[in-house]
Amino acid sequence: MVSKKVKIVNATGLHLRPAGVLCETAMKYKSKICFNTDNNYEANAKSVLSVLGACVRSGEEIVITCEGDDEEEALEDIVSSIEGGLGE
């Protein structure tokens, strides 16, 4: 299991469009991928509804956790995608 803290840089946080991009990225991997917010909400990164339910705002930090065969690659790709603004 690997994890990393990352800051949400999108001006509008994780609304529908960036949440969809995050889920698409996560679904490319076999590993279990989730994230925790500052208020102890755990979201499944492969579920748009779960990501939206986390209500992550711009500037918040989340901890991405990946567990499985391709966990290192998954973590690197997801962190890179978040730091790149998730397509925004």
N, C-alpha and C. Protein backbone atom coordinates (compact mmCIF):
# COMPACT_ATOMS: atom_id res chain seq x y z
N MET A 1 0.85 -1.18 0.00
CA MET A 1 0.00 0.00 0.00
C MET A 1 0.90 1.24 0.00
N VAL A 2 0.57 2.17 -0.88
CA VAL A 2 1.30 3.43 -0.97
C VAL A 2 0.30 4.59 -0.86
N SER A 3 0.77 5.71 -0.34
CA SER A 3 -0.11 6.87 -0.23
C SER A 3 0.70 8.15 -0.35
N LYS A 4 -0.01 9.22 -0.68
CA LYS A 4 0.63 10.52 -0.81
C LYS A 4 -0.40 11.62 -0.62
N LYS A 5 0.01 12.69 0.06
CA LYS A 5 -0.85 13.85 0.25
C LYS A 5 -0.68 14.77 -0.95
N VAL A 6 -1.80 15.26 -1.48
CA VAL A 6 -1.76 16.14 -2.65
C VAL A 6 -2.80 17.25 -2.47
N LYS A 7 -2.47 18.43 -2.97
CA LYS A 7 -3.36 19.59 -2.86
C LYS A 7 -4.18 19.73 -4.14
N ILE A 8 -5.47 20.02 -3.97
CA ILE A 8 -6.36 20.24 -5.11
C ILE A 8 -6.13 21.65 -5.64
N VAL A 9 -5.71 21.76 -6.90
CA VAL A 9 -5.35 23.07 -7.46
C VAL A 9 -6.44 23.68 -8.32
N ASN A 10 -7.46 22.91 -8.68
CA ASN A 10 -8.55 23.46 -9.49
C ASN A 10 -9.24 24.60 -8.75
N ALA A 11 -9.57 25.64 -9.45
CA ALA A 11 -10.21 26.80 -8.84
C ALA A 11 -11.58 26.45 -8.24
N THR A 12 -12.23 25.44 -8.80
CA THR A 12 -13.58 25.08 -8.34
C THR A 12 -13.63 23.77 -7.57
N GLY A 13 -12.48 23.19 -7.24
CA GLY A 13 -12.46 21.94 -6.49
C GLY A 13 -12.85 20.75 -7.35
N LEU A 14 -13.29 19.66 -6.68
CA LEU A 14 -13.65 18.44 -7.41
C LEU A 14 -15.14 18.42 -7.73
N HIS A 15 -15.55 19.26 -8.70
CA HIS A 15 -16.94 19.20 -9.17
C HIS A 15 -17.02 18.12 -10.24
N LEU A 16 -18.12 18.03 -10.96
CA LEU A 16 -18.39 16.89 -11.84
C LEU A 16 -17.31 16.62 -12.88
N ARG A 17 -16.87 17.62 -13.62
CA ARG A 17 -15.89 17.38 -14.69
C ARG A 17 -14.56 16.84 -14.17
N PRO A 18 -13.91 17.53 -13.21
CA PRO A 18 -12.65 16.98 -12.71
C PRO A 18 -12.83 15.66 -11.94
N ALA A 19 -13.98 15.47 -11.30
CA ALA A 19 -14.24 14.20 -10.62
C ALA A 19 -14.29 13.06 -11.65
N GLY A 20 -14.88 13.34 -12.80
CA GLY A 20 -14.93 12.36 -13.88
C GLY A 20 -13.55 12.02 -14.41
N VAL A 21 -12.71 13.03 -14.54
CA VAL A 21 -11.33 12.81 -15.01
C VAL A 21 -10.57 11.97 -13.98
N LEU A 22 -10.75 12.28 -12.71
CA LEU A 22 -10.09 11.52 -11.65
C LEU A 22 -10.53 10.05 -11.70
N CYS A 23 -11.82 9.81 -11.86
CA CYS A 23 -12.34 8.44 -11.91
C CYS A 23 -11.83 7.70 -13.15
N GLU A 24 -11.80 8.37 -14.29
CA GLU A 24 -11.28 7.74 -15.51
C GLU A 24 -9.83 7.32 -15.32
N THR A 25 -9.05 8.17 -14.69
CA THR A 25 -7.64 7.86 -14.43
C THR A 25 -7.54 6.67 -13.50
N ALA A 26 -8.31 6.67 -12.43
CA ALA A 26 -8.26 5.59 -11.44
C ALA A 26 -8.72 4.26 -12.02
N MET A 27 -9.69 4.28 -12.91
CA MET A 27 -10.24 3.04 -13.45
C MET A 27 -9.29 2.34 -14.42
N LYS A 28 -8.21 2.99 -14.80
CA LYS A 28 -7.21 2.35 -15.66
C LYS A 28 -6.39 1.31 -14.90
N TYR A 29 -6.50 1.30 -13.58
CA TYR A 29 -5.65 0.44 -12.75
C TYR A 29 -6.46 -0.59 -11.98
N LYS A 30 -5.83 -1.72 -11.71
CA LYS A 30 -6.47 -2.81 -10.97
C LYS A 30 -6.50 -2.53 -9.47
N SER A 31 -5.58 -1.72 -8.99
CA SER A 31 -5.46 -1.44 -7.56
C SER A 31 -6.71 -0.79 -6.99
N LYS A 32 -6.92 -1.00 -5.70
CA LYS A 32 -7.96 -0.26 -4.97
C LYS A 32 -7.40 1.15 -4.75
N ILE A 33 -8.16 2.15 -5.15
CA ILE A 33 -7.70 3.54 -5.05
C ILE A 33 -8.77 4.35 -4.32
N CYS A 34 -8.35 4.98 -3.25
CA CYS A 34 -9.28 5.82 -2.49
C CYS A 34 -8.53 7.05 -2.00
N PHE A 35 -9.28 8.00 -1.46
CA PHE A 35 -8.64 9.15 -0.84
C PHE A 35 -9.41 9.57 0.39
N ASN A 36 -8.69 10.17 1.31
CA ASN A 36 -9.28 10.68 2.54
C ASN A 36 -9.15 12.19 2.56
N THR A 37 -10.19 12.85 3.07
CA THR A 37 -10.19 14.30 3.18
C THR A 37 -9.82 14.70 4.61
N ASP A 38 -9.67 16.00 4.82
CA ASP A 38 -9.35 16.52 6.15
C ASP A 38 -10.43 16.20 7.18
N ASN A 39 -11.68 16.06 6.73
CA ASN A 39 -12.77 15.78 7.67
C ASN A 39 -13.07 14.27 7.76
N ASN A 40 -12.05 13.45 7.45
CA ASN A 40 -12.10 11.99 7.60
C ASN A 40 -13.12 11.28 6.72
N TYR A 41 -13.45 11.88 5.58
CA TYR A 41 -14.31 11.21 4.61
C TYR A 41 -13.43 10.37 3.71
N GLU A 42 -13.77 9.10 3.51
CA GLU A 42 -13.02 8.24 2.59
C GLU A 42 -13.84 8.04 1.33
N ALA A 43 -13.23 8.37 0.19
CA ALA A 43 -13.92 8.26 -1.09
C ALA A 43 -13.25 7.22 -1.97
N ASN A 44 -14.06 6.46 -2.69
CA ASN A 44 -13.57 5.52 -3.69
C ASN A 44 -13.27 6.34 -4.95
N ALA A 45 -12.00 6.39 -5.36
CA ALA A 45 -11.61 7.21 -6.49
C ALA A 45 -12.14 6.68 -7.82
N LYS A 46 -12.71 5.49 -7.83
CA LYS A 46 -13.27 4.92 -9.06
C LYS A 46 -14.77 5.18 -9.18
N SER A 47 -15.34 5.91 -8.24
CA SER A 47 -16.78 6.20 -8.22
C SER A 47 -17.00 7.72 -8.25
N VAL A 48 -17.63 8.20 -9.31
CA VAL A 48 -17.90 9.64 -9.42
C VAL A 48 -18.75 10.12 -8.26
N LEU A 49 -19.76 9.35 -7.88
CA LEU A 49 -20.64 9.77 -6.78
C LEU A 49 -19.87 9.84 -5.46
N SER A 50 -18.97 8.90 -5.24
CA SER A 50 -18.17 8.92 -4.03
C SER A 50 -17.23 10.12 -4.00
N VAL A 51 -16.61 10.42 -5.14
CA VAL A 51 -15.71 11.58 -5.24
C VAL A 51 -16.49 12.87 -5.01
N LEU A 52 -17.66 13.00 -5.65
CA LEU A 52 -18.48 14.20 -5.47
C LEU A 52 -18.96 14.34 -4.03
N GLY A 53 -19.25 13.20 -3.39
CA GLY A 53 -19.71 13.19 -2.01
C GLY A 53 -18.68 13.71 -1.03
N ALA A 54 -17.41 13.69 -1.43
CA ALA A 54 -16.34 14.17 -0.55
C ALA A 54 -16.35 15.69 -0.44
N CYS A 55 -16.98 16.38 -1.39
CA CYS A 55 -17.09 17.84 -1.39
C CYS A 55 -15.73 18.53 -1.19
N VAL A 56 -14.77 18.14 -2.02
CA VAL A 56 -13.42 18.69 -1.90
C VAL A 56 -13.35 20.03 -2.61
N ARG A 57 -12.90 21.05 -1.88
CA ARG A 57 -12.80 22.40 -2.41
C ARG A 57 -11.37 22.69 -2.86
N SER A 58 -11.22 23.75 -3.61
CA SER A 58 -9.91 24.20 -4.06
C SER A 58 -9.02 24.50 -2.86
N GLY A 59 -7.77 24.08 -2.95
CA GLY A 59 -6.82 24.34 -1.88
C GLY A 59 -6.79 23.28 -0.79
N GLU A 60 -7.79 22.39 -0.76
CA GLU A 60 -7.81 21.32 0.24
C GLU A 60 -6.75 20.27 -0.10
N GLU A 61 -6.26 19.61 0.93
CA GLU A 61 -5.33 18.51 0.73
C GLU A 61 -6.05 17.20 0.99
N ILE A 62 -5.79 16.22 0.13
CA ILE A 62 -6.35 14.89 0.29
C ILE A 62 -5.19 13.89 0.30
N VAL A 63 -5.42 12.74 0.90
CA VAL A 63 -4.41 11.68 0.91
C VAL A 63 -4.89 10.55 0.00
N ILE A 64 -4.18 10.35 -1.10
CA ILE A 64 -4.49 9.29 -2.06
C ILE A 64 -3.83 8.01 -1.55
N THR A 65 -4.57 6.91 -1.54
CA THR A 65 -4.03 5.62 -1.14
C THR A 65 -4.33 4.60 -2.22
N CYS A 66 -3.29 3.87 -2.64
CA CYS A 66 -3.42 2.83 -3.66
C CYS A 66 -2.92 1.52 -3.08
N GLU A 67 -3.65 0.45 -3.36
CA GLU A 67 -3.27 -0.87 -2.85
C GLU A 67 -3.55 -1.92 -3.92
N GLY A 68 -2.50 -2.59 -4.37
CA GLY A 68 -2.65 -3.63 -5.38
C GLY A 68 -1.40 -3.80 -6.22
N ASP A 69 -1.52 -4.60 -7.27
CA ASP A 69 -0.38 -4.96 -8.11
C ASP A 69 0.28 -3.76 -8.79
N ASP A 70 -0.52 -2.79 -9.21
CA ASP A 70 0.01 -1.64 -9.95
C ASP A 70 -0.07 -0.34 -9.13
N GLU A 71 0.05 -0.47 -7.80
CA GLU A 71 -0.17 0.67 -6.90
C GLU A 71 0.79 1.82 -7.13
N GLU A 72 2.06 1.55 -7.37
CA GLU A 72 3.05 2.62 -7.57
C GLU A 72 2.72 3.44 -8.81
N GLU A 73 2.44 2.75 -9.90
CA GLU A 73 2.10 3.42 -11.16
C GLU A 73 0.80 4.20 -11.03
N ALA A 74 -0.18 3.61 -10.37
CA ALA A 74 -1.47 4.27 -10.17
C ALA A 74 -1.32 5.55 -9.37
N LEU A 75 -0.57 5.47 -8.27
CA LEU A 75 -0.38 6.65 -7.42
C LEU A 75 0.31 7.77 -8.19
N GLU A 76 1.35 7.42 -8.93
CA GLU A 76 2.09 8.42 -9.70
C GLU A 76 1.19 9.10 -10.74
N ASP A 77 0.38 8.32 -11.44
CA ASP A 77 -0.50 8.86 -12.48
C ASP A 77 -1.59 9.75 -11.87
N ILE A 78 -2.19 9.32 -10.79
CA ILE A 78 -3.28 10.09 -10.17
C ILE A 78 -2.75 11.40 -9.57
N VAL A 79 -1.63 11.33 -8.88
CA VAL A 79 -1.05 12.55 -8.30
C VAL A 79 -0.67 13.52 -9.40
N SER A 80 -0.10 13.02 -10.48
CA SER A 80 0.26 13.86 -11.62
C SER A 80 -0.98 14.52 -12.23
N SER A 81 -2.04 13.75 -12.35
CA SER A 81 -3.30 14.26 -12.92
C SER A 81 -3.90 15.35 -12.03
N ILE A 82 -3.89 15.15 -10.71
CA ILE A 82 -4.42 16.15 -9.79
C ILE A 82 -3.58 17.41 -9.81
N GLU A 83 -2.27 17.24 -9.77
CA GLU A 83 -1.37 18.41 -9.79
C GLU A 83 -1.46 19.17 -11.10
N GLY A 84 -1.89 18.48 -12.17
CA GLY A 84 -2.08 19.12 -13.48
C GLY A 84 -3.44 19.77 -13.64
N GLY A 85 -4.28 19.71 -12.61
CA GLY A 85 -5.57 20.39 -12.65
C GLY A 85 -6.73 19.56 -13.15
N LEU A 86 -6.53 18.26 -13.37
CA LEU A 86 -7.61 17.37 -13.82
C LEU A 86 -8.32 17.90 -15.07
N GLY A 87 -7.57 18.38 -16.02
CA GLY A 87 -8.14 18.80 -17.29
C GLY A 87 -8.73 20.19 -17.30
N GLU A 88 -8.52 20.96 -16.26
CA GLU A 88 -9.08 22.32 -16.23
C GLU A 88 -7.99 23.37 -16.28
